[in-house]
C-alpha cells in the first residue's frame, strides 16, 4: 500500500488562510502527486544543511527533547518546543483543530521565517513530525523495544475507502511519503539515547 501511488493520503483543501488548516495543506505529509514532490523537496533541502553526525553530537551533549535540538540546528529558539507540542496534537487530519493550535501556528510562522509560504510550513512540519515520533523512538530504544515510533498510517484506496497500514516492518515508511531523511532522524535519536545513558 505505501509504495503504491494509487493509494493516496486523505485529500485536504488545496489552500487555507492560516492556522493548522494552512499548515496541513502546505506540507508534503498530507499532499499527493506533483504538489507532494514539490513540498517534499523543500523539507529535504532544509535538512540537507544539517550534518547528521553534528546533530547526533549536539543531541548527546545537550540532551532534552528532539524538538529543542532540531530547532537549535535550524537557528531557532529551543523554547518553541512547547508550541510545537501544541500544534502536534492537532496536526493529523483526523484530530480536532483547537483555537490554541491555530494561534500557535501563527506564532511559529513568525519565529520560523515570518512568511506563510510552503518553505516555512515544511520547516514547521519537520519539527512537528520530530516531536512525538522521535520521543517514541528514543523511549523504545531505551526500553529495548523495536516498535515503530508511529505504528500506523492512513491512506485512501483506489476504490475510495480509507484504509490503515502498519509501519511495523517499515518504521520510516516507504514510497513517496517515507520520512524525508531517515539518517537525520536516527542520528537525533541516537544522540538523545546517548545523553540519557551517560
N, C-alpha and C. Protein backbone atom coordinates (compact mmCIF):
# COMPACT_ATOMS: atom_id res chain seq x y z
N UNK A 1 0.81 -1.21 0.00
CA UNK A 1 0.00 0.00 0.00
C UNK A 1 0.86 1.27 0.00
N UNK A 2 1.91 1.29 0.85
CA UNK A 2 2.70 2.51 0.99
C UNK A 2 3.45 2.86 -0.28
N UNK A 3 3.84 1.84 -1.04
CA UNK A 3 4.61 2.08 -2.25
C UNK A 3 3.74 2.22 -3.49
N UNK A 4 2.44 1.99 -3.35
CA UNK A 4 1.52 2.04 -4.48
C UNK A 4 1.00 3.46 -4.66
N UNK A 5 1.31 4.12 -5.78
CA UNK A 5 0.86 5.50 -5.97
C UNK A 5 -0.65 5.64 -6.08
N UNK A 6 -1.35 4.51 -6.25
CA UNK A 6 -2.81 4.56 -6.31
C UNK A 6 -3.43 4.79 -4.93
N UNK A 7 -2.66 4.49 -3.88
CA UNK A 7 -3.11 4.76 -2.51
C UNK A 7 -2.58 6.13 -2.11
N UNK A 8 -3.47 7.07 -1.93
CA UNK A 8 -3.07 8.45 -1.65
C UNK A 8 -3.46 8.83 -0.23
N UNK A 9 -2.83 9.88 0.27
CA UNK A 9 -3.21 10.37 1.59
C UNK A 9 -4.60 10.99 1.50
N UNK A 10 -5.35 11.00 2.61
CA UNK A 10 -6.68 11.61 2.56
C UNK A 10 -6.60 13.05 2.06
N UNK A 11 -7.39 13.40 1.06
CA UNK A 11 -7.27 14.74 0.46
C UNK A 11 -7.70 15.85 1.41
N UNK A 12 -7.01 16.97 1.28
CA UNK A 12 -7.32 18.17 2.06
C UNK A 12 -7.56 19.32 1.08
N UNK A 13 -8.18 20.40 1.54
CA UNK A 13 -8.31 21.57 0.66
C UNK A 13 -6.95 22.04 0.16
N UNK A 14 -6.90 22.56 -1.05
CA UNK A 14 -5.63 23.00 -1.63
C UNK A 14 -5.00 24.15 -0.87
N UNK A 15 -5.81 24.98 -0.28
CA UNK A 15 -5.27 26.14 0.43
C UNK A 15 -6.16 26.47 1.61
N UNK A 16 -5.59 27.09 2.59
CA UNK A 16 -6.32 27.53 3.77
C UNK A 16 -5.71 28.85 4.21
N UNK A 17 -6.50 29.73 4.81
CA UNK A 17 -6.00 31.07 5.13
C UNK A 17 -4.95 31.13 6.23
N UNK A 18 -4.93 30.16 7.11
CA UNK A 18 -3.95 30.22 8.19
C UNK A 18 -4.19 29.11 9.19
N UNK A 19 -3.42 29.12 10.27
CA UNK A 19 -3.59 28.15 11.33
C UNK A 19 -3.21 26.74 10.91
N UNK A 20 -3.72 25.77 11.64
CA UNK A 20 -3.39 24.37 11.39
C UNK A 20 -3.87 23.92 10.02
N UNK A 21 -5.04 24.40 9.59
CA UNK A 21 -5.53 24.02 8.26
C UNK A 21 -4.56 24.46 7.17
N UNK A 22 -3.98 25.65 7.32
CA UNK A 22 -2.95 26.11 6.37
C UNK A 22 -1.73 25.22 6.43
N UNK A 23 -1.31 24.86 7.64
CA UNK A 23 -0.12 24.02 7.80
C UNK A 23 -0.34 22.67 7.13
N UNK A 24 -1.47 22.05 7.40
CA UNK A 24 -1.77 20.75 6.80
C UNK A 24 -1.75 20.82 5.27
N UNK A 25 -2.36 21.87 4.73
CA UNK A 25 -2.46 21.97 3.28
C UNK A 25 -1.14 22.34 2.61
N UNK A 26 -0.17 22.79 3.40
CA UNK A 26 1.09 23.29 2.84
C UNK A 26 2.26 22.34 2.97
N UNK A 27 2.12 21.26 3.78
CA UNK A 27 3.24 20.35 3.99
C UNK A 27 3.15 19.14 3.06
N UNK A 28 4.29 18.50 2.85
CA UNK A 28 4.34 17.33 1.98
C UNK A 28 3.56 16.16 2.56
N UNK A 29 3.52 16.07 3.89
CA UNK A 29 2.93 14.90 4.55
C UNK A 29 1.50 14.63 4.11
N UNK A 30 0.73 15.67 3.83
CA UNK A 30 -0.68 15.48 3.51
C UNK A 30 -1.00 15.86 2.07
N UNK A 31 -0.01 15.78 1.21
CA UNK A 31 -0.18 16.10 -0.21
C UNK A 31 0.10 14.86 -1.05
N UNK A 32 -0.31 14.90 -2.29
CA UNK A 32 -0.06 13.80 -3.22
C UNK A 32 0.41 14.36 -4.56
N UNK A 33 1.00 13.49 -5.38
CA UNK A 33 1.36 13.87 -6.73
C UNK A 33 2.44 14.93 -6.81
N UNK A 34 2.31 15.81 -7.81
CA UNK A 34 3.33 16.84 -8.05
C UNK A 34 3.47 17.78 -6.86
N UNK A 35 2.37 18.12 -6.22
CA UNK A 35 2.43 19.02 -5.06
C UNK A 35 3.24 18.40 -3.94
N UNK A 36 3.07 17.10 -3.72
CA UNK A 36 3.82 16.42 -2.67
C UNK A 36 5.31 16.40 -2.99
N UNK A 37 5.67 16.15 -4.24
CA UNK A 37 7.09 16.14 -4.63
C UNK A 37 7.71 17.53 -4.43
N UNK A 38 6.98 18.57 -4.80
CA UNK A 38 7.50 19.94 -4.64
C UNK A 38 7.73 20.27 -3.17
N UNK A 39 6.75 19.96 -2.34
CA UNK A 39 6.85 20.29 -0.92
C UNK A 39 7.91 19.42 -0.21
N UNK A 40 7.97 18.16 -0.61
CA UNK A 40 8.97 17.27 -0.01
C UNK A 40 10.39 17.77 -0.31
N UNK A 41 10.59 18.29 -1.52
CA UNK A 41 11.91 18.81 -1.89
C UNK A 41 12.32 19.96 -0.96
N UNK A 42 11.36 20.74 -0.51
CA UNK A 42 11.67 21.84 0.42
C UNK A 42 12.15 21.29 1.76
N UNK A 43 11.48 20.24 2.24
CA UNK A 43 11.89 19.64 3.52
C UNK A 43 13.26 18.99 3.39
N UNK A 44 13.50 18.29 2.30
CA UNK A 44 14.79 17.63 2.08
C UNK A 44 15.91 18.67 2.01
N UNK A 45 15.66 19.78 1.31
CA UNK A 45 16.66 20.84 1.19
C UNK A 45 16.95 21.46 2.55
N UNK A 46 15.92 21.61 3.37
CA UNK A 46 16.10 22.20 4.70
C UNK A 46 16.97 21.29 5.56
N UNK A 47 16.73 19.99 5.50
CA UNK A 47 17.53 19.04 6.28
C UNK A 47 18.95 18.88 5.74
N UNK A 48 19.14 19.12 4.45
CA UNK A 48 20.44 18.91 3.83
C UNK A 48 21.52 19.81 4.43
N UNK A 49 21.11 20.91 5.02
CA UNK A 49 22.10 21.82 5.61
C UNK A 49 22.52 21.38 7.01
N UNK A 50 21.94 20.30 7.51
CA UNK A 50 22.26 19.80 8.85
C UNK A 50 23.10 18.53 8.72
N UNK A 51 24.28 18.53 9.30
CA UNK A 51 25.14 17.36 9.28
C UNK A 51 24.62 16.34 10.30
N UNK A 52 24.30 15.12 9.88
CA UNK A 52 23.75 14.13 10.82
C UNK A 52 24.66 13.86 12.02
N UNK A 53 25.96 13.75 11.78
CA UNK A 53 26.87 13.49 12.89
C UNK A 53 26.91 14.67 13.85
N UNK A 54 26.88 15.87 13.30
CA UNK A 54 26.81 17.05 14.17
C UNK A 54 25.51 17.08 14.96
N UNK A 55 24.43 16.64 14.35
CA UNK A 55 23.15 16.57 15.04
C UNK A 55 23.21 15.56 16.19
N UNK A 56 23.84 14.41 15.93
CA UNK A 56 23.98 13.41 16.99
C UNK A 56 24.80 13.94 18.16
N UNK A 57 25.92 14.60 17.84
CA UNK A 57 26.77 15.14 18.90
C UNK A 57 26.07 16.20 19.71
N UNK A 58 25.33 17.07 19.02
CA UNK A 58 24.60 18.12 19.73
C UNK A 58 23.55 17.50 20.66
N UNK A 59 22.85 16.49 20.15
CA UNK A 59 21.82 15.82 20.95
C UNK A 59 22.44 15.13 22.16
N UNK A 60 23.60 14.47 21.95
CA UNK A 60 24.26 13.76 23.04
C UNK A 60 24.75 14.73 24.11
N UNK A 61 25.23 15.88 23.70
CA UNK A 61 25.75 16.88 24.65
C UNK A 61 24.62 17.63 25.35
N UNK A 62 23.58 17.93 24.59
CA UNK A 62 22.51 18.77 25.13
C UNK A 62 21.47 17.98 25.90
N UNK A 63 21.11 16.79 25.38
CA UNK A 63 20.02 16.05 25.97
C UNK A 63 18.70 16.78 25.73
N UNK A 64 17.74 16.51 26.57
CA UNK A 64 16.45 17.18 26.43
C UNK A 64 15.57 16.48 25.42
N UNK A 65 14.84 17.26 24.64
CA UNK A 65 13.90 16.70 23.68
C UNK A 65 14.35 16.90 22.25
N UNK A 66 13.78 16.15 21.32
CA UNK A 66 14.19 16.23 19.92
C UNK A 66 13.89 17.58 19.27
N UNK A 67 12.78 18.19 19.64
CA UNK A 67 12.42 19.46 19.01
C UNK A 67 13.42 20.54 19.39
N UNK A 68 13.81 20.56 20.66
CA UNK A 68 14.78 21.57 21.10
C UNK A 68 16.09 21.46 20.32
N UNK A 69 16.57 20.23 20.17
CA UNK A 69 17.83 20.02 19.47
C UNK A 69 17.71 20.40 18.00
N UNK A 70 16.66 19.89 17.34
CA UNK A 70 16.48 20.17 15.92
C UNK A 70 16.26 21.66 15.67
N UNK A 71 15.51 22.31 16.55
CA UNK A 71 15.27 23.75 16.40
C UNK A 71 16.58 24.53 16.45
N UNK A 72 17.43 24.18 17.40
CA UNK A 72 18.70 24.90 17.54
C UNK A 72 19.58 24.74 16.31
N UNK A 73 19.55 23.57 15.68
CA UNK A 73 20.35 23.38 14.47
C UNK A 73 19.82 24.21 13.31
N UNK A 74 18.57 24.62 13.39
CA UNK A 74 17.96 25.44 12.35
C UNK A 74 18.03 26.92 12.71
N UNK A 75 18.73 27.27 13.78
CA UNK A 75 18.84 28.65 14.20
C UNK A 75 17.58 29.18 14.86
N UNK A 76 16.77 28.27 15.38
CA UNK A 76 15.51 28.64 16.03
C UNK A 76 15.64 28.46 17.53
N UNK A 77 14.86 29.20 18.32
CA UNK A 77 14.95 29.07 19.77
C UNK A 77 14.43 27.72 20.26
N UNK A 78 15.14 27.13 21.20
CA UNK A 78 14.75 25.81 21.72
C UNK A 78 13.42 25.88 22.47
N UNK A 79 13.09 27.06 23.01
CA UNK A 79 11.88 27.14 23.82
C UNK A 79 10.59 27.13 23.00
N UNK A 80 10.70 26.95 21.67
CA UNK A 80 9.48 26.80 20.89
C UNK A 80 8.94 25.38 20.95
N UNK A 81 9.64 24.49 21.70
CA UNK A 81 9.21 23.09 21.77
C UNK A 81 7.80 22.95 22.33
N UNK A 82 7.45 23.77 23.31
CA UNK A 82 6.09 23.69 23.86
C UNK A 82 5.06 24.06 22.80
N UNK A 83 5.37 25.05 21.98
CA UNK A 83 4.46 25.43 20.89
C UNK A 83 4.30 24.30 19.89
N UNK A 84 5.40 23.64 19.56
CA UNK A 84 5.36 22.54 18.60
C UNK A 84 4.51 21.40 19.16
N UNK A 85 4.60 21.14 20.45
CA UNK A 85 3.79 20.10 21.08
C UNK A 85 2.30 20.41 20.96
N UNK A 86 1.94 21.67 21.14
CA UNK A 86 0.54 22.08 21.00
C UNK A 86 0.04 21.81 19.58
N UNK A 87 0.83 22.20 18.59
CA UNK A 87 0.44 22.01 17.20
C UNK A 87 0.38 20.53 16.86
N UNK A 88 1.30 19.73 17.39
CA UNK A 88 1.35 18.30 17.08
C UNK A 88 0.04 17.60 17.46
N UNK A 89 -0.61 18.07 18.51
CA UNK A 89 -1.86 17.44 18.95
C UNK A 89 -3.00 17.67 17.96
N UNK A 90 -2.89 18.68 17.10
CA UNK A 90 -3.93 18.97 16.11
C UNK A 90 -3.46 18.75 14.68
N UNK A 91 -2.26 18.21 14.50
CA UNK A 91 -1.62 18.14 13.18
C UNK A 91 -2.28 17.13 12.24
N UNK A 92 -2.57 15.96 12.74
CA UNK A 92 -3.13 14.92 11.88
C UNK A 92 -4.56 15.28 11.46
N UNK A 93 -4.92 14.99 10.21
CA UNK A 93 -6.25 15.39 9.71
C UNK A 93 -7.43 14.82 10.50
N UNK A 94 -7.23 13.69 11.19
CA UNK A 94 -8.34 13.11 11.94
C UNK A 94 -8.45 13.69 13.35
N UNK A 95 -7.57 14.63 13.71
CA UNK A 95 -7.64 15.25 15.03
C UNK A 95 -8.35 16.60 14.95
N UNK A 96 -8.83 17.06 16.08
CA UNK A 96 -9.55 18.33 16.16
C UNK A 96 -8.58 19.50 16.22
N UNK A 97 -8.84 20.52 15.44
CA UNK A 97 -8.03 21.74 15.48
C UNK A 97 -8.55 22.64 16.58
N UNK A 98 -7.70 22.98 17.52
CA UNK A 98 -8.09 23.87 18.61
C UNK A 98 -7.71 25.31 18.29
N UNK A 99 -8.38 26.24 18.94
CA UNK A 99 -8.04 27.65 18.75
C UNK A 99 -6.60 27.91 19.20
N UNK A 100 -6.20 27.25 20.27
CA UNK A 100 -4.82 27.41 20.75
C UNK A 100 -3.83 26.96 19.69
N UNK A 101 -4.12 25.84 19.03
CA UNK A 101 -3.21 25.34 18.00
C UNK A 101 -3.14 26.31 16.83
N UNK A 102 -4.28 26.88 16.44
CA UNK A 102 -4.27 27.86 15.35
C UNK A 102 -3.42 29.07 15.71
N UNK A 103 -3.59 29.58 16.92
CA UNK A 103 -2.78 30.74 17.34
C UNK A 103 -1.30 30.38 17.39
N UNK A 104 -1.01 29.15 17.81
CA UNK A 104 0.37 28.72 17.94
C UNK A 104 1.04 28.58 16.58
N UNK A 105 0.31 28.11 15.58
CA UNK A 105 0.88 28.03 14.23
C UNK A 105 1.29 29.43 13.77
N UNK A 106 0.43 30.41 14.00
CA UNK A 106 0.76 31.78 13.60
C UNK A 106 2.04 32.25 14.29
N UNK A 107 2.19 31.90 15.56
CA UNK A 107 3.41 32.30 16.28
C UNK A 107 4.63 31.58 15.71
N UNK A 108 4.49 30.30 15.38
CA UNK A 108 5.61 29.55 14.81
C UNK A 108 6.01 30.08 13.44
N UNK A 109 5.03 30.53 12.66
CA UNK A 109 5.36 31.14 11.37
C UNK A 109 6.24 32.36 11.59
N UNK A 110 5.88 33.18 12.56
CA UNK A 110 6.67 34.37 12.85
C UNK A 110 8.08 34.03 13.29
N UNK A 111 8.22 32.98 14.09
CA UNK A 111 9.53 32.58 14.58
C UNK A 111 10.36 31.92 13.49
N UNK A 112 9.70 31.15 12.62
CA UNK A 112 10.41 30.31 11.66
C UNK A 112 10.76 30.99 10.35
N UNK A 113 10.22 32.16 10.11
CA UNK A 113 10.54 32.80 8.85
C UNK A 113 9.70 34.01 8.55
N UNK A 114 8.62 34.18 9.30
CA UNK A 114 7.73 35.33 9.19
C UNK A 114 6.98 35.39 7.87
N UNK A 115 7.14 34.39 7.03
CA UNK A 115 6.43 34.34 5.76
C UNK A 115 5.64 33.04 5.71
N UNK A 116 4.34 33.15 5.45
CA UNK A 116 3.50 31.97 5.42
C UNK A 116 3.57 31.25 4.10
N UNK A 117 4.74 30.75 3.73
CA UNK A 117 4.90 30.05 2.46
C UNK A 117 5.14 28.56 2.71
N UNK A 118 5.29 27.80 1.64
CA UNK A 118 5.46 26.36 1.78
C UNK A 118 6.79 26.00 2.46
N UNK A 119 7.83 26.79 2.22
CA UNK A 119 9.11 26.50 2.85
C UNK A 119 9.00 26.61 4.37
N UNK A 120 8.33 27.65 4.84
CA UNK A 120 8.13 27.83 6.28
C UNK A 120 7.26 26.72 6.83
N UNK A 121 6.19 26.38 6.10
CA UNK A 121 5.29 25.32 6.56
C UNK A 121 6.03 24.01 6.71
N UNK A 122 6.87 23.66 5.76
CA UNK A 122 7.57 22.39 5.82
C UNK A 122 8.68 22.40 6.87
N UNK A 123 9.22 23.57 7.18
CA UNK A 123 10.17 23.67 8.29
C UNK A 123 9.45 23.39 9.61
N UNK A 124 8.27 23.97 9.77
CA UNK A 124 7.47 23.71 10.96
C UNK A 124 7.03 22.25 10.99
N UNK A 125 6.65 21.73 9.81
CA UNK A 125 6.21 20.34 9.73
C UNK A 125 7.29 19.36 10.18
N UNK A 126 8.54 19.63 9.85
CA UNK A 126 9.63 18.75 10.29
C UNK A 126 9.73 18.74 11.81
N UNK A 127 9.57 19.91 12.42
CA UNK A 127 9.62 19.98 13.88
C UNK A 127 8.46 19.22 14.50
N UNK A 128 7.27 19.39 13.91
CA UNK A 128 6.09 18.71 14.44
C UNK A 128 6.24 17.20 14.31
N UNK A 129 6.72 16.74 13.16
CA UNK A 129 6.86 15.31 12.95
C UNK A 129 7.98 14.71 13.81
N UNK A 130 8.96 15.53 14.17
CA UNK A 130 10.03 15.06 15.05
C UNK A 130 9.58 14.98 16.50
N UNK A 131 8.53 15.67 16.83
CA UNK A 131 8.09 15.82 18.22
C UNK A 131 7.77 14.46 18.86
N UNK A 132 6.59 13.94 18.63
CA UNK A 132 6.17 12.70 19.29
C UNK A 132 6.88 11.48 18.73
N UNK A 133 7.12 11.47 17.40
CA UNK A 133 7.72 10.28 16.79
C UNK A 133 9.14 10.04 17.32
N UNK A 134 9.94 11.08 17.41
CA UNK A 134 11.32 10.89 17.87
C UNK A 134 11.35 10.58 19.37
N UNK A 135 10.45 11.20 20.12
CA UNK A 135 10.36 10.85 21.55
C UNK A 135 10.04 9.37 21.71
N UNK A 136 9.11 8.87 20.88
CA UNK A 136 8.75 7.46 20.96
C UNK A 136 9.92 6.57 20.54
N UNK A 137 10.66 6.98 19.51
CA UNK A 137 11.81 6.21 19.06
C UNK A 137 12.86 6.12 20.16
N UNK A 138 13.12 7.23 20.84
CA UNK A 138 14.08 7.25 21.93
C UNK A 138 13.60 6.36 23.08
N UNK A 139 12.34 6.50 23.46
CA UNK A 139 11.79 5.70 24.57
C UNK A 139 11.83 4.21 24.25
N UNK A 140 11.49 3.85 23.03
CA UNK A 140 11.51 2.44 22.64
C UNK A 140 12.94 1.89 22.67
N UNK A 141 13.89 2.69 22.19
CA UNK A 141 15.29 2.25 22.16
C UNK A 141 15.81 2.03 23.58
N UNK A 142 15.52 2.98 24.46
CA UNK A 142 15.97 2.86 25.85
C UNK A 142 15.35 1.64 26.51
N UNK A 143 14.10 1.34 26.17
CA UNK A 143 13.40 0.19 26.74
C UNK A 143 13.73 -1.13 26.05
N UNK A 144 14.55 -1.08 25.00
CA UNK A 144 14.91 -2.28 24.27
C UNK A 144 13.82 -2.80 23.36
N UNK A 145 12.89 -1.91 22.97
CA UNK A 145 11.78 -2.29 22.10
C UNK A 145 12.10 -1.94 20.65
N UNK A 146 11.50 -2.66 19.74
CA UNK A 146 11.69 -2.38 18.32
C UNK A 146 10.41 -1.89 17.66
N UNK A 147 9.44 -1.50 18.46
CA UNK A 147 8.17 -1.00 17.92
C UNK A 147 8.42 0.26 17.10
N UNK A 148 7.70 0.44 15.99
CA UNK A 148 7.87 1.67 15.21
C UNK A 148 7.35 2.86 15.99
N UNK A 149 8.00 4.01 15.89
CA UNK A 149 7.55 5.18 16.64
C UNK A 149 6.16 5.64 16.24
N UNK A 150 5.81 5.45 14.98
CA UNK A 150 4.44 5.70 14.51
C UNK A 150 3.92 4.36 14.01
N UNK A 151 2.96 3.76 14.70
CA UNK A 151 2.59 2.38 14.36
C UNK A 151 1.80 2.20 13.07
N UNK A 152 0.97 3.20 12.70
CA UNK A 152 0.09 3.01 11.55
C UNK A 152 -0.01 4.31 10.75
N UNK A 153 -0.44 4.17 9.50
CA UNK A 153 -0.66 5.33 8.65
C UNK A 153 -1.96 5.14 7.89
N UNK A 154 -2.58 6.25 7.47
CA UNK A 154 -3.87 6.20 6.78
C UNK A 154 -3.71 6.62 5.32
N UNK A 155 -4.36 5.88 4.44
CA UNK A 155 -4.40 6.21 3.02
C UNK A 155 -5.79 5.94 2.46
N UNK A 156 -6.05 6.52 1.33
CA UNK A 156 -7.31 6.27 0.63
C UNK A 156 -7.04 5.28 -0.49
N UNK A 157 -7.79 4.18 -0.50
CA UNK A 157 -7.63 3.15 -1.53
C UNK A 157 -8.16 3.65 -2.86
N UNK A 158 -7.70 3.04 -3.96
CA UNK A 158 -8.17 3.47 -5.30
C UNK A 158 -9.68 3.45 -5.46
N UNK A 159 -10.36 2.53 -4.75
CA UNK A 159 -11.81 2.45 -4.88
C UNK A 159 -12.55 3.28 -3.84
N UNK A 160 -11.79 4.10 -3.07
CA UNK A 160 -12.44 5.09 -2.23
C UNK A 160 -12.36 4.97 -0.73
N UNK A 161 -12.33 3.77 -0.12
CA UNK A 161 -12.36 3.71 1.34
C UNK A 161 -11.04 4.12 1.98
N UNK A 162 -11.13 4.61 3.20
CA UNK A 162 -9.95 4.93 3.99
C UNK A 162 -9.42 3.65 4.62
N UNK A 163 -8.14 3.37 4.43
CA UNK A 163 -7.55 2.15 4.98
C UNK A 163 -6.32 2.51 5.81
N UNK A 164 -6.02 1.65 6.78
CA UNK A 164 -4.84 1.84 7.61
C UNK A 164 -3.80 0.79 7.26
N UNK A 165 -2.54 1.20 7.28
CA UNK A 165 -1.44 0.28 7.02
C UNK A 165 -0.46 0.30 8.17
N UNK A 166 0.09 -0.85 8.49
CA UNK A 166 1.05 -0.97 9.58
C UNK A 166 2.44 -0.52 9.12
N UNK A 167 3.16 0.12 10.03
CA UNK A 167 4.54 0.53 9.77
C UNK A 167 5.53 -0.35 10.55
N UNK A 168 5.05 -1.51 11.02
CA UNK A 168 5.89 -2.37 11.85
C UNK A 168 7.16 -2.80 11.12
N UNK A 169 7.05 -3.09 9.82
CA UNK A 169 8.21 -3.54 9.07
C UNK A 169 8.98 -2.41 8.40
N UNK A 170 8.37 -1.25 8.33
CA UNK A 170 9.00 -0.08 7.67
C UNK A 170 8.77 1.15 8.55
N UNK A 171 9.49 1.25 9.69
CA UNK A 171 9.21 2.30 10.66
C UNK A 171 9.37 3.73 10.14
N UNK A 172 10.11 3.91 9.06
CA UNK A 172 10.23 5.25 8.48
C UNK A 172 9.41 5.38 7.20
N UNK A 173 8.59 4.37 6.93
CA UNK A 173 7.75 4.41 5.75
C UNK A 173 8.54 4.05 4.49
N UNK A 174 7.82 3.87 3.41
CA UNK A 174 8.42 3.66 2.10
C UNK A 174 7.57 4.41 1.09
N UNK A 175 8.08 4.53 -0.12
CA UNK A 175 7.31 5.21 -1.14
C UNK A 175 7.39 6.73 -0.99
N UNK A 176 6.50 7.44 -1.65
CA UNK A 176 6.58 8.90 -1.70
C UNK A 176 6.45 9.59 -0.35
N UNK A 177 5.81 8.93 0.63
CA UNK A 177 5.62 9.57 1.93
C UNK A 177 6.54 9.03 3.01
N UNK A 178 7.62 8.37 2.61
CA UNK A 178 8.62 7.98 3.59
C UNK A 178 9.20 9.23 4.25
N UNK A 179 9.67 9.07 5.49
CA UNK A 179 10.24 10.22 6.18
C UNK A 179 11.35 10.82 5.33
N UNK A 180 11.41 12.15 5.21
CA UNK A 180 12.37 12.78 4.29
C UNK A 180 13.83 12.38 4.49
N UNK A 181 14.24 12.10 5.71
CA UNK A 181 15.64 11.73 5.91
C UNK A 181 15.80 10.85 7.13
N UNK A 182 15.81 9.57 6.91
CA UNK A 182 15.98 8.59 7.98
C UNK A 182 17.30 8.81 8.72
N UNK A 183 18.36 9.18 7.99
CA UNK A 183 19.68 9.35 8.60
C UNK A 183 19.65 10.40 9.70
N UNK A 184 18.99 11.52 9.45
CA UNK A 184 18.92 12.58 10.45
C UNK A 184 18.08 12.14 11.65
N UNK A 185 16.96 11.46 11.39
CA UNK A 185 16.10 11.01 12.47
C UNK A 185 16.84 10.04 13.40
N UNK A 186 17.57 9.11 12.81
CA UNK A 186 18.30 8.14 13.62
C UNK A 186 19.45 8.81 14.38
N UNK A 187 20.13 9.76 13.73
CA UNK A 187 21.23 10.47 14.40
C UNK A 187 20.71 11.23 15.61
N UNK A 188 19.58 11.89 15.45
CA UNK A 188 18.98 12.65 16.55
C UNK A 188 18.59 11.70 17.68
N UNK A 189 17.95 10.60 17.35
CA UNK A 189 17.52 9.64 18.37
C UNK A 189 18.71 9.01 19.08
N UNK A 190 19.73 8.63 18.32
CA UNK A 190 20.91 8.01 18.92
C UNK A 190 21.58 8.98 19.90
N UNK A 191 21.70 10.24 19.48
CA UNK A 191 22.31 11.23 20.37
C UNK A 191 21.53 11.41 21.66
N UNK A 192 20.21 11.43 21.56
CA UNK A 192 19.38 11.60 22.76
C UNK A 192 19.45 10.37 23.66
N UNK A 193 19.56 9.19 23.06
CA UNK A 193 19.74 7.97 23.87
C UNK A 193 21.09 8.03 24.57
N UNK A 194 22.13 8.45 23.87
CA UNK A 194 23.45 8.57 24.49
C UNK A 194 23.42 9.55 25.66
N UNK A 195 22.68 10.64 25.50
CA UNK A 195 22.58 11.62 26.58
C UNK A 195 21.91 11.01 27.82
N UNK A 196 20.95 10.13 27.59
CA UNK A 196 20.23 9.51 28.71
C UNK A 196 21.07 8.49 29.47
N UNK A 197 21.94 7.79 28.76
CA UNK A 197 22.66 6.69 29.41
C UNK A 197 24.05 7.09 29.87
N UNK A 198 24.42 8.35 29.67
CA UNK A 198 25.74 8.80 30.11
C UNK A 198 25.86 8.72 31.62
